[in-house]
Amino acid sequence: MASITIRNLDDAVKQRLRMRAAEHGRSMEEEARDILRRAVGRAPPSANLGKAIHQRFAALGGAELDLPPREPMPEPPHFD
């Protein structure tokens, strides 16, 4: 097993960690290990935001939209 040292930790953060560990009935070290396990155990975010949004809402079904036909671009105004 590896060990790490965390320097310059704010006193307030350490106090909150101590209180959180006490609430869960474990040591500060075990609480910190649990927090780190949960934080790095998550899947990395999807690189393709559009695909991630589609996958999240695909089960709800889609929406069919009536799109107006494309028309040619109008001529730009002339200021002569």
PDB file of N, CA and C in Angstrom:
ATOM      1  N   MET A   1       0.844  -1.184   0.000  1.00  0.00           N
ATOM      2  CA  MET A   1       0.000   0.000   0.000  1.00  0.00           C
ATOM      3  C   MET A   1       0.883   1.239   0.000  1.00  0.00           C
ATOM      4  N   ALA A   2       0.392   2.267  -0.667  1.00  0.00           N
ATOM      5  CA  ALA A   2       1.122   3.526  -0.757  1.00  0.00           C
ATOM      6  C   ALA A   2       0.677   4.476   0.340  1.00  0.00           C
ATOM      7  N   SER A   3       1.516   5.449   0.619  1.00  0.00           N
ATOM      8  CA  SER A   3       1.201   6.486   1.598  1.00  0.00           C
ATOM      9  C   SER A   3       1.369   7.842   0.947  1.00  0.00           C
ATOM     10  N   ILE A   4       0.555   8.809   1.394  1.00  0.00           N
ATOM     11  CA  ILE A   4       0.706  10.186   0.919  1.00  0.00           C
ATOM     12  C   ILE A   4       0.668  11.125   2.123  1.00  0.00           C
ATOM     13  N   THR A   5       1.249  12.284   1.946  1.00  0.00           N
ATOM     14  CA  THR A   5       1.214  13.341   2.949  1.00  0.00           C
ATOM     15  C   THR A   5       0.551  14.548   2.313  1.00  0.00           C
ATOM     16  N   ILE A   6      -0.373  15.148   3.015  1.00  0.00           N
ATOM     17  CA  ILE A   6      -1.054  16.338   2.500  1.00  0.00           C
ATOM     18  C   ILE A   6      -0.585  17.527   3.322  1.00  0.00           C
ATOM     19  N   ARG A   7       0.167  18.404   2.672  1.00  0.00           N
ATOM     20  CA  ARG A   7       0.685  19.592   3.340  1.00  0.00           C
ATOM     21  C   ARG A   7      -0.252  20.770   3.134  1.00  0.00           C
ATOM     22  N   ASN A   8      -0.148  21.751   4.020  1.00  0.00           N
ATOM     23  CA  ASN A   8      -0.894  23.017   3.923  1.00  0.00           C
ATOM     24  C   ASN A   8      -2.407  22.804   3.875  1.00  0.00           C
ATOM     25  N   LEU A   9      -2.887  21.844   4.633  1.00  0.00           N
ATOM     26  CA  LEU A   9      -4.326  21.602   4.726  1.00  0.00           C
ATOM     27  C   LEU A   9      -4.914  22.610   5.711  1.00  0.00           C
ATOM     28  N   ASP A  10      -5.944  23.316   5.289  1.00  0.00           N
ATOM     29  CA  ASP A  10      -6.571  24.306   6.170  1.00  0.00           C
ATOM     30  C   ASP A  10      -7.073  23.638   7.445  1.00  0.00           C
ATOM     31  N   ASP A  11      -6.948  24.355   8.556  1.00  0.00           N
ATOM     32  CA  ASP A  11      -7.422  23.833   9.833  1.00  0.00           C
ATOM     33  C   ASP A  11      -8.920  23.541   9.793  1.00  0.00           C
ATOM     34  N   ALA A  12      -9.676  24.387   9.094  1.00  0.00           N
ATOM     35  CA  ALA A  12     -11.125  24.191   9.003  1.00  0.00           C
ATOM     36  C   ALA A  12     -11.454  22.895   8.260  1.00  0.00           C
ATOM     37  N   VAL A  13     -10.697  22.598   7.218  1.00  0.00           N
ATOM     38  CA  VAL A  13     -10.921  21.367   6.457  1.00  0.00           C
ATOM     39  C   VAL A  13     -10.600  20.161   7.337  1.00  0.00           C
ATOM     40  N   LYS A  14      -9.506  20.238   8.061  1.00  0.00           N
ATOM     41  CA  LYS A  14      -9.128  19.138   8.950  1.00  0.00           C
ATOM     42  C   LYS A  14     -10.203  18.919  10.012  1.00  0.00           C
ATOM     43  N   GLN A  15     -10.740  19.996  10.551  1.00  0.00           N
ATOM     44  CA  GLN A  15     -11.789  19.883  11.573  1.00  0.00           C
ATOM     45  C   GLN A  15     -13.045  19.238  10.994  1.00  0.00           C
ATOM     46  N   ARG A  16     -13.425  19.647   9.781  1.00  0.00           N
ATOM     47  CA  ARG A  16     -14.610  19.045   9.143  1.00  0.00           C
ATOM     48  C   ARG A  16     -14.378  17.566   8.851  1.00  0.00           C
ATOM     49  N   LEU A  17     -13.151  17.213   8.454  1.00  0.00           N
ATOM     50  CA  LEU A  17     -12.822  15.812   8.215  1.00  0.00           C
ATOM     51  C   LEU A  17     -12.923  15.021   9.516  1.00  0.00           C
ATOM     52  N   ARG A  18     -12.427  15.593  10.597  1.00  0.00           N
ATOM     53  CA  ARG A  18     -12.484  14.932  11.904  1.00  0.00           C
ATOM     54  C   ARG A  18     -13.943  14.709  12.316  1.00  0.00           C
ATOM     55  N   MET A  19     -14.794  15.718  12.114  1.00  0.00           N
ATOM     56  CA  MET A  19     -16.205  15.597  12.485  1.00  0.00           C
ATOM     57  C   MET A  19     -16.918  14.569  11.604  1.00  0.00           C
ATOM     58  N   ARG A  20     -16.601  14.591  10.320  1.00  0.00           N
ATOM     59  CA  ARG A  20     -17.214  13.632   9.402  1.00  0.00           C
ATOM     60  C   ARG A  20     -16.806  12.210   9.758  1.00  0.00           C
ATOM     61  N   ALA A  21     -15.530  12.014  10.091  1.00  0.00           N
ATOM     62  CA  ALA A  21     -15.044  10.690  10.482  1.00  0.00           C
ATOM     63  C   ALA A  21     -15.755  10.220  11.741  1.00  0.00           C
ATOM     64  N   ALA A  22     -15.941  11.115  12.699  1.00  0.00           N
ATOM     65  CA  ALA A  22     -16.632  10.748  13.939  1.00  0.00           C
ATOM     66  C   ALA A  22     -18.086  10.363  13.662  1.00  0.00           C
ATOM     67  N   GLU A  23     -18.732  11.088  12.749  1.00  0.00           N
ATOM     68  CA  GLU A  23     -20.119  10.766  12.397  1.00  0.00           C
ATOM     69  C   GLU A  23     -20.223   9.368  11.803  1.00  0.00           C
ATOM     70  N   HIS A  24     -19.200   8.952  11.049  1.00  0.00           N
ATOM     71  CA  HIS A  24     -19.203   7.633  10.416  1.00  0.00           C
ATOM     72  C   HIS A  24     -18.532   6.563  11.275  1.00  0.00           C
ATOM     73  N   GLY A  25     -18.048   6.959  12.442  1.00  0.00           N
ATOM     74  CA  GLY A  25     -17.446   5.994  13.364  1.00  0.00           C
ATOM     75  C   GLY A  25     -16.133   5.405  12.881  1.00  0.00           C
ATOM     76  N   ARG A  26     -15.303   6.229  12.263  1.00  0.00           N
ATOM     77  CA  ARG A  26     -14.004   5.742  11.789  1.00  0.00           C
ATOM     78  C   ARG A  26     -12.944   6.810  11.973  1.00  0.00           C
ATOM     79  N   SER A  27     -11.706   6.422  11.733  1.00  0.00           N
ATOM     80  CA  SER A  27     -10.592   7.351  11.904  1.00  0.00           C
ATOM     81  C   SER A  27     -10.580   8.382  10.773  1.00  0.00           C
ATOM     82  N   MET A  28      -9.834   9.464  10.994  1.00  0.00           N
ATOM     83  CA  MET A  28      -9.691  10.474   9.945  1.00  0.00           C
ATOM     84  C   MET A  28      -9.028   9.874   8.718  1.00  0.00           C
ATOM     85  N   GLU A  29      -8.044   9.020   8.925  1.00  0.00           N
ATOM     86  CA  GLU A  29      -7.361   8.393   7.792  1.00  0.00           C
ATOM     87  C   GLU A  29      -8.324   7.537   6.977  1.00  0.00           C
ATOM     88  N   GLU A  30      -9.137   6.745   7.649  1.00  0.00           N
ATOM     89  CA  GLU A  30     -10.096   5.902   6.925  1.00  0.00           C
ATOM     90  C   GLU A  30     -11.129   6.756   6.210  1.00  0.00           C
ATOM     91  N   GLU A  31     -11.556   7.839   6.845  1.00  0.00           N
ATOM     92  CA  GLU A  31     -12.510   8.746   6.200  1.00  0.00           C
ATOM     93  C   GLU A  31     -11.891   9.354   4.944  1.00  0.00           C
ATOM     94  N   ALA A  32     -10.641   9.791   5.020  1.00  0.00           N
ATOM     95  CA  ALA A  32      -9.955  10.364   3.860  1.00  0.00           C
ATOM     96  C   ALA A  32      -9.802   9.311   2.766  1.00  0.00           C
ATOM     97  N   ARG A  33      -9.473   8.066   3.143  1.00  0.00           N
ATOM     98  CA  ARG A  33      -9.365   6.989   2.139  1.00  0.00           C
ATOM     99  C   ARG A  33     -10.708   6.780   1.440  1.00  0.00           C
ATOM    100  N   ASP A  34     -11.792   6.785   2.219  1.00  0.00           N
ATOM    101  CA  ASP A  34     -13.118   6.579   1.629  1.00  0.00           C
ATOM    102  C   ASP A  34     -13.468   7.719   0.667  1.00  0.00           C
ATOM    103  N   ILE A  35     -13.178   8.947   1.073  1.00  0.00           N
ATOM    104  CA  ILE A  35     -13.452  10.101   0.204  1.00  0.00           C
ATOM    105  C   ILE A  35     -12.658   9.983  -1.097  1.00  0.00           C
ATOM    106  N   LEU A  36     -11.385   9.631  -0.989  1.00  0.00           N
ATOM    107  CA  LEU A  36     -10.549   9.498  -2.187  1.00  0.00           C
ATOM    108  C   LEU A  36     -11.023   8.347  -3.069  1.00  0.00           C
ATOM    109  N   ARG A  37     -11.376   7.213  -2.451  1.00  0.00           N
ATOM    110  CA  ARG A  37     -11.871   6.069  -3.230  1.00  0.00           C
ATOM    111  C   ARG A  37     -13.098   6.468  -4.033  1.00  0.00           C
ATOM    112  N   ARG A  38     -14.018   7.163  -3.387  1.00  0.00           N
ATOM    113  CA  ARG A  38     -15.244   7.578  -4.078  1.00  0.00           C
ATOM    114  C   ARG A  38     -14.950   8.596  -5.186  1.00  0.00           C
ATOM    115  N   ALA A  39     -14.041   9.514  -4.921  1.00  0.00           N
ATOM    116  CA  ALA A  39     -13.751  10.570  -5.899  1.00  0.00           C
ATOM    117  C   ALA A  39     -13.064  10.024  -7.146  1.00  0.00           C
ATOM    118  N   VAL A  40     -12.100   9.136  -6.980  1.00  0.00           N
ATOM    119  CA  VAL A  40     -11.366   8.646  -8.151  1.00  0.00           C
ATOM    120  C   VAL A  40     -11.983   7.397  -8.739  1.00  0.00           C
ATOM    121  N   GLY A  41     -12.961   6.835  -8.062  1.00  0.00           N
ATOM    122  CA  GLY A  41     -13.612   5.637  -8.571  1.00  0.00           C
ATOM    123  C   GLY A  41     -14.671   5.927  -9.609  1.00  0.00           C
ATOM    124  N   ARG A  42     -15.033   7.185  -9.767  1.00  0.00           N
ATOM    125  CA  ARG A  42     -16.055   7.557 -10.746  1.00  0.00           C
ATOM    126  C   ARG A  42     -15.502   7.434 -12.157  1.00  0.00           C
ATOM    127  N   ALA A  43     -16.419   7.169 -13.088  1.00  0.00           N
ATOM    128  CA  ALA A  43     -16.025   7.096 -14.493  1.00  0.00           C
ATOM    129  C   ALA A  43     -15.652   8.491 -14.983  1.00  0.00           C
ATOM    130  N   PRO A  44     -14.644   8.590 -15.829  1.00  0.00           N
ATOM    131  CA  PRO A  44     -14.273   9.906 -16.353  1.00  0.00           C
ATOM    132  C   PRO A  44     -15.406  10.477 -17.206  1.00  0.00           C
ATOM    133  N   PRO A  45     -15.529  11.793 -17.229  1.00  0.00           N
ATOM    134  CA  PRO A  45     -16.599  12.388 -18.031  1.00  0.00           C
ATOM    135  C   PRO A  45     -16.427  12.071 -19.509  1.00  0.00           C
ATOM    136  N   SER A  46     -17.547  11.983 -20.194  1.00  0.00           N
ATOM    137  CA  SER A  46     -17.528  11.685 -21.619  1.00  0.00           C
ATOM    138  C   SER A  46     -16.878  12.826 -22.393  1.00  0.00           C
ATOM    139  N   ALA A  47     -16.069  12.476 -23.378  1.00  0.00           N
ATOM    140  CA  ALA A  47     -15.419  13.494 -24.200  1.00  0.00           C
ATOM    141  C   ALA A  47     -16.403  14.091 -25.200  1.00  0.00           C
ATOM    142  N   ASN A  48     -17.492  13.373 -25.479  1.00  0.00           N
ATOM    143  CA  ASN A  48     -18.471  13.830 -26.459  1.00  0.00           C
ATOM    144  C   ASN A  48     -19.740  14.240 -25.712  1.00  0.00           C
ATOM    145  N   LEU A  49     -19.910  15.519 -25.469  1.00  0.00           N
ATOM    146  CA  LEU A  49     -21.034  16.020 -24.693  1.00  0.00           C
ATOM    147  C   LEU A  49     -22.369  15.694 -25.354  1.00  0.00           C
ATOM    148  N   GLY A  50     -22.461  15.841 -26.660  1.00  0.00           N
ATOM    149  CA  GLY A  50     -23.712  15.554 -27.359  1.00  0.00           C
ATOM    150  C   GLY A  50     -24.138  14.109 -27.180  1.00  0.00           C
ATOM    151  N   LYS A  51     -23.193  13.191 -27.296  1.00  0.00           N
ATOM    152  CA  LYS A  51     -23.495  11.766 -27.137  1.00  0.00           C
ATOM    153  C   LYS A  51     -23.908  11.472 -25.691  1.00  0.00           C
ATOM    154  N   ALA A  52     -23.242  12.095 -24.727  1.00  0.00           N
ATOM    155  CA  ALA A  52     -23.581  11.879 -23.320  1.00  0.00           C
ATOM    156  C   ALA A  52     -25.002  12.359 -23.025  1.00  0.00           C
ATOM    157  N   ILE A  53     -25.383  13.501 -23.572  1.00  0.00           N
ATOM    158  CA  ILE A  53     -26.742  14.017 -23.366  1.00  0.00           C
ATOM    159  C   ILE A  53     -27.757  13.092 -24.025  1.00  0.00           C
ATOM    160  N   HIS A  54     -27.454  12.645 -25.228  1.00  0.00           N
ATOM    161  CA  HIS A  54     -28.358  11.732 -25.937  1.00  0.00           C
ATOM    162  C   HIS A  54     -28.569  10.445 -25.142  1.00  0.00           C
ATOM    163  N   GLN A  55     -27.498   9.850 -24.628  1.00  0.00           N
ATOM    164  CA  GLN A  55     -27.613   8.612 -23.863  1.00  0.00           C
ATOM    165  C   GLN A  55     -28.444   8.819 -22.593  1.00  0.00           C
ATOM    166  N   ARG A  56     -28.287   9.961 -21.967  1.00  0.00           N
ATOM    167  CA  ARG A  56     -29.020  10.219 -20.724  1.00  0.00           C
ATOM    168  C   ARG A  56     -30.520  10.291 -20.969  1.00  0.00           C
ATOM    169  N   PHE A  57     -30.940  10.890 -22.086  1.00  0.00           N
ATOM    170  CA  PHE A  57     -32.356  11.105 -22.328  1.00  0.00           C
ATOM    171  C   PHE A  57     -32.963  10.171 -23.368  1.00  0.00           C
ATOM    172  N   ALA A  58     -32.226   9.235 -23.910  1.00  0.00           N
ATOM    173  CA  ALA A  58     -32.721   8.346 -24.959  1.00  0.00           C
ATOM    174  C   ALA A  58     -33.905   7.513 -24.487  1.00  0.00           C
ATOM    175  N   ALA A  59     -33.889   7.086 -23.236  1.00  0.00           N
ATOM    176  CA  ALA A  59     -34.972   6.244 -22.729  1.00  0.00           C
ATOM    177  C   ALA A  59     -36.309   6.983 -22.680  1.00  0.00           C
ATOM    178  N   LEU A  60     -36.287   8.305 -22.669  1.00  0.00           N
ATOM    179  CA  LEU A  60     -37.523   9.085 -22.608  1.00  0.00           C
ATOM    180  C   LEU A  60     -38.193   9.221 -23.968  1.00  0.00           C
ATOM    181  N   GLY A  61     -37.502   8.838 -25.012  1.00  0.00           N
ATOM    182  CA  GLY A  61     -38.050   8.964 -26.352  1.00  0.00           C
ATOM    183  C   GLY A  61     -37.628  10.278 -26.980  1.00  0.00           C
ATOM    184  N   GLY A  62     -37.966  10.417 -28.230  1.00  0.00           N
ATOM    185  CA  GLY A  62     -37.540  11.611 -28.947  1.00  0.00           C
ATOM    186  C   GLY A  62     -38.695  12.558 -29.204  1.00  0.00           C
ATOM    187  N   ALA A  63     -38.418  13.583 -29.917  1.00  0.00           N
ATOM    188  CA  ALA A  63     -39.428  14.559 -30.303  1.00  0.00           C
ATOM    189  C   ALA A  63     -39.252  14.828 -31.789  1.00  0.00           C
ATOM    190  N   GLU A  64     -40.335  14.679 -32.515  1.00  0.00           N
ATOM    191  CA  GLU A  64     -40.284  14.953 -33.943  1.00  0.00           C
ATOM    192  C   GLU A  64     -40.670  16.411 -34.166  1.00  0.00           C
ATOM    193  N   LEU A  65     -39.800  17.145 -34.773  1.00  0.00           N
ATOM    194  CA  LEU A  65     -40.034  18.559 -35.018  1.00  0.00           C
ATOM    195  C   LEU A  65     -40.246  18.797 -36.501  1.00  0.00           C
ATOM    196  N   ASP A  66     -41.201  19.656 -36.823  1.00  0.00           N
ATOM    197  CA  ASP A  66     -41.408  20.057 -38.205  1.00  0.00           C
ATOM    198  C   ASP A  66     -40.459  21.207 -38.491  1.00  0.00           C
ATOM    199  N   LEU A  67     -39.481  20.959 -39.301  1.00  0.00           N
ATOM    200  CA  LEU A  67     -38.514  21.993 -39.648  1.00  0.00           C
ATOM    201  C   LEU A  67     -38.957  22.682 -40.929  1.00  0.00           C
ATOM    202  N   PRO A  68     -38.922  23.993 -40.944  1.00  0.00           N
ATOM    203  CA  PRO A  68     -39.308  24.696 -42.174  1.00  0.00           C
ATOM    204  C   PRO A  68     -38.278  24.413 -43.277  1.00  0.00           C
ATOM    205  N   PRO A  69     -38.725  24.428 -44.523  1.00  0.00           N
ATOM    206  CA  PRO A  69     -37.771  24.180 -45.612  1.00  0.00           C
ATOM    207  C   PRO A  69     -36.729  25.291 -45.681  1.00  0.00           C
ATOM    208  N   ARG A  70     -35.567  24.924 -46.120  1.00  0.00           N
ATOM    209  CA  ARG A  70     -34.504  25.925 -46.266  1.00  0.00           C
ATOM    210  C   ARG A  70     -34.777  26.793 -47.474  1.00  0.00           C
ATOM    211  N   GLU A  71     -34.488  28.043 -47.325  1.00  0.00           N
ATOM    212  CA  GLU A  71     -34.664  28.983 -48.423  1.00  0.00           C
ATOM    213  C   GLU A  71     -33.307  29.592 -48.734  1.00  0.00           C
ATOM    214  N   PRO A  72     -33.171  30.094 -49.955  1.00  0.00           N
ATOM    215  CA  PRO A  72     -31.882  30.722 -50.278  1.00  0.00           C
ATOM    216  C   PRO A  72     -31.658  31.952 -49.403  1.00  0.00           C
ATOM    217  N   MET A  73     -30.407  32.230 -49.136  1.00  0.00           N
ATOM    218  CA  MET A  73     -30.062  33.403 -48.336  1.00  0.00           C
ATOM    219  C   MET A  73     -30.472  34.661 -49.089  1.00  0.00           C
ATOM    220  N   PRO A  74     -31.041  35.629 -48.387  1.00  0.00           N
ATOM    221  CA  PRO A  74     -31.375  36.881 -49.060  1.00  0.00           C
ATOM    222  C   PRO A  74     -30.111  37.655 -49.439  1.00  0.00           C
ATOM    223  N   GLU A  75     -30.253  38.473 -50.425  1.00  0.00           N
ATOM    224  CA  GLU A  75     -29.113  39.297 -50.848  1.00  0.00           C
ATOM    225  C   GLU A  75     -28.819  40.317 -49.774  1.00  0.00           C
ATOM    226  N   PRO A  76     -27.556  40.582 -49.508  1.00  0.00           N
ATOM    227  CA  PRO A  76     -27.230  41.593 -48.512  1.00  0.00           C
ATOM    228  C   PRO A  76     -27.631  42.977 -49.028  1.00  0.00           C
ATOM    229  N   PRO A  77     -27.894  43.903 -48.112  1.00  0.00           N
ATOM    230  CA  PRO A  77     -28.289  45.251 -48.556  1.00  0.00           C
ATOM    231  C   PRO A  77     -27.124  45.968 -49.232  1.00  0.00           C
ATOM    232  N   HIS A  78     -27.473  46.848 -50.131  1.00  0.00           N
ATOM    233  CA  HIS A  78     -26.464  47.669 -50.807  1.00  0.00           C
ATOM    234  C   HIS A  78     -26.595  49.089 -50.276  1.00  0.00           C
ATOM    235  N   PHE A  79     -25.492  49.688 -49.910  1.00  0.00           N
ATOM    236  CA  PHE A  79     -25.501  51.041 -49.370  1.00  0.00           C
ATOM    237  C   PHE A  79     -24.799  52.007 -50.319  1.00  0.00           C
ATOM    238  N   ASP A  80     -25.118  51.967 -51.624  1.00  0.00           N
ATOM    239  CA  ASP A  80     -24.458  52.890 -52.528  1.00  0.00           C
ATOM    240  C   ASP A  80     -25.323  54.064 -52.872  1.00  0.00           C
TER     241      ASP A  80
END
